Amino acid sequence: MELKTARLTLLIDPHKKAAFERLCALQDRTPSQVVRQLIRDYLAHHGVSYETGVEQAQPQAGRARRGRGR
């Protein structure tokens, strides 16, 4: 799972926003989940790679585990 640490603010027509939120609710998904998927798909479509933050979080967890045994 990606670390969610950044906020994206955007302006959208209120009617489109309401329709989007209704559709998300019908699909039992949050608008944030759908937007994150749209961004992942857009990046993949254009061949753009990125770090998810998971790689960075794993070494920290490993260091914490090693420190507990001491």
C-alpha atoms as a PDB file:
ATOM      1  CA  MET A   1       0.000   0.000   0.000  1.00  0.00           C
ATOM      2  CA  GLU A   2       1.211   3.475  -0.797  1.00  0.00           C
ATOM      3  CA  LEU A   3       1.977   5.984   1.919  1.00  0.00           C
ATOM      4  CA  LYS A   4      -0.526   8.820   1.685  1.00  0.00           C
ATOM      5  CA  THR A   5       1.403  11.897   2.731  1.00  0.00           C
ATOM      6  CA  ALA A   6       0.642  14.523   0.084  1.00  0.00           C
ATOM      7  CA  ARG A   7      -2.526  16.436  -0.593  1.00  0.00           C
ATOM      8  CA  LEU A   8      -3.797  17.390  -4.036  1.00  0.00           C
ATOM      9  CA  THR A   9      -6.291  20.238  -4.185  1.00  0.00           C
ATOM     10  CA  LEU A  10      -8.259  20.861  -7.352  1.00  0.00           C
ATOM     11  CA  LEU A  11     -11.189  22.929  -8.498  1.00  0.00           C
ATOM     12  CA  ILE A  12     -14.126  21.180 -10.138  1.00  0.00           C
ATOM     13  CA  ASP A  13     -17.626  22.151 -11.188  1.00  0.00           C
ATOM     14  CA  PRO A  14     -19.986  21.435  -8.256  1.00  0.00           C
ATOM     15  CA  HIS A  15     -22.374  19.426 -10.463  1.00  0.00           C
ATOM     16  CA  LYS A  16     -19.547  17.198 -11.741  1.00  0.00           C
ATOM     17  CA  LYS A  17     -18.301  16.767  -8.177  1.00  0.00           C
ATOM     18  CA  ALA A  18     -21.733  15.674  -6.958  1.00  0.00           C
ATOM     19  CA  ALA A  19     -22.141  13.237  -9.872  1.00  0.00           C
ATOM     20  CA  PHE A  20     -18.642  11.846  -9.253  1.00  0.00           C
ATOM     21  CA  GLU A  21     -19.342  11.356  -5.542  1.00  0.00           C
ATOM     22  CA  ARG A  22     -22.668   9.603  -6.301  1.00  0.00           C
ATOM     23  CA  LEU A  23     -20.978   7.250  -8.773  1.00  0.00           C
ATOM     24  CA  CYS A  24     -18.193   6.484  -6.294  1.00  0.00           C
ATOM     25  CA  ALA A  25     -20.770   5.694  -3.604  1.00  0.00           C
ATOM     26  CA  LEU A  26     -22.641   3.375  -5.979  1.00  0.00           C
ATOM     27  CA  GLN A  27     -19.369   1.539  -6.603  1.00  0.00           C
ATOM     28  CA  ASP A  28     -18.589   1.417  -2.855  1.00  0.00           C
ATOM     29  CA  ARG A  29     -15.385   3.399  -3.382  1.00  0.00           C
ATOM     30  CA  THR A  30     -14.285   6.732  -2.005  1.00  0.00           C
ATOM     31  CA  PRO A  31     -13.512   9.601  -4.362  1.00  0.00           C
ATOM     32  CA  SER A  32      -9.910   9.499  -3.089  1.00  0.00           C
ATOM     33  CA  GLN A  33      -9.571   5.830  -4.033  1.00  0.00           C
ATOM     34  CA  VAL A  34     -10.838   6.534  -7.544  1.00  0.00           C
ATOM     35  CA  VAL A  35      -8.606   9.579  -8.047  1.00  0.00           C
ATOM     36  CA  ARG A  36      -5.528   7.663  -6.842  1.00  0.00           C
ATOM     37  CA  GLN A  37      -6.339   4.873  -9.329  1.00  0.00           C
ATOM     38  CA  LEU A  38      -6.845   7.406 -12.132  1.00  0.00           C
ATOM     39  CA  ILE A  39      -3.438   8.928 -11.378  1.00  0.00           C
ATOM     40  CA  ARG A  40      -1.734   5.495 -11.311  1.00  0.00           C
ATOM     41  CA  ASP A  41      -3.376   4.602 -14.642  1.00  0.00           C
ATOM     42  CA  TYR A  42      -2.399   7.949 -16.206  1.00  0.00           C
ATOM     43  CA  LEU A  43       1.226   7.568 -15.133  1.00  0.00           C
ATOM     44  CA  ALA A  44       1.338   3.963 -16.399  1.00  0.00           C
ATOM     45  CA  HIS A  45      -0.242   4.990 -19.713  1.00  0.00           C
ATOM     46  CA  HIS A  46       2.538   7.527 -20.226  1.00  0.00           C
ATOM     47  CA  GLY A  47       5.294   5.192 -19.041  1.00  0.00           C
ATOM     48  CA  VAL A  48       6.161   7.253 -15.977  1.00  0.00           C
ATOM     49  CA  SER A  49       7.639   5.356 -13.048  1.00  0.00           C
ATOM     50  CA  TYR A  50       7.675   6.511  -9.450  1.00  0.00           C
ATOM     51  CA  GLU A  51       8.536   5.305  -5.971  1.00  0.00           C
ATOM     52  CA  THR A  52       5.560   4.329  -3.835  1.00  0.00           C
ATOM     53  CA  GLY A  53       7.158   5.083  -0.485  1.00  0.00           C
ATOM     54  CA  VAL A  54       6.775   1.432   0.533  1.00  0.00           C
ATOM     55  CA  GLU A  55      10.433   0.830  -0.299  1.00  0.00           C
ATOM     56  CA  GLN A  56      11.399   3.613   2.084  1.00  0.00           C
ATOM     57  CA  ALA A  57       9.133   2.387   4.887  1.00  0.00           C
ATOM     58  CA  GLN A  58      10.397  -1.213   4.900  1.00  0.00           C
ATOM     59  CA  PRO A  59      14.014  -0.477   5.905  1.00  0.00           C
ATOM     60  CA  GLN A  60      12.778   1.644   8.829  1.00  0.00           C
ATOM     61  CA  ALA A  61      10.623  -1.227  10.049  1.00  0.00           C
ATOM     62  CA  GLY A  62      13.620  -3.556   9.752  1.00  0.00           C
ATOM     63  CA  ARG A  63      15.772  -1.254  11.856  1.00  0.00           C
ATOM     64  CA  ALA A  64      13.082  -1.082  14.514  1.00  0.00           C
ATOM     65  CA  ARG A  65      12.926  -4.883  14.699  1.00  0.00           C
ATOM     66  CA  ARG A  66      16.677  -5.250  15.056  1.00  0.00           C
ATOM     67  CA  GLY A  67      16.728  -2.648  17.819  1.00  0.00           C
ATOM     68  CA  ARG A  68      14.149  -4.490  19.916  1.00  0.00           C
ATOM     69  CA  GLY A  69      16.383  -7.499  20.516  1.00  0.00           C
ATOM     70  CA  ARG A  70      19.148  -5.490  22.152  1.00  0.00           C
END
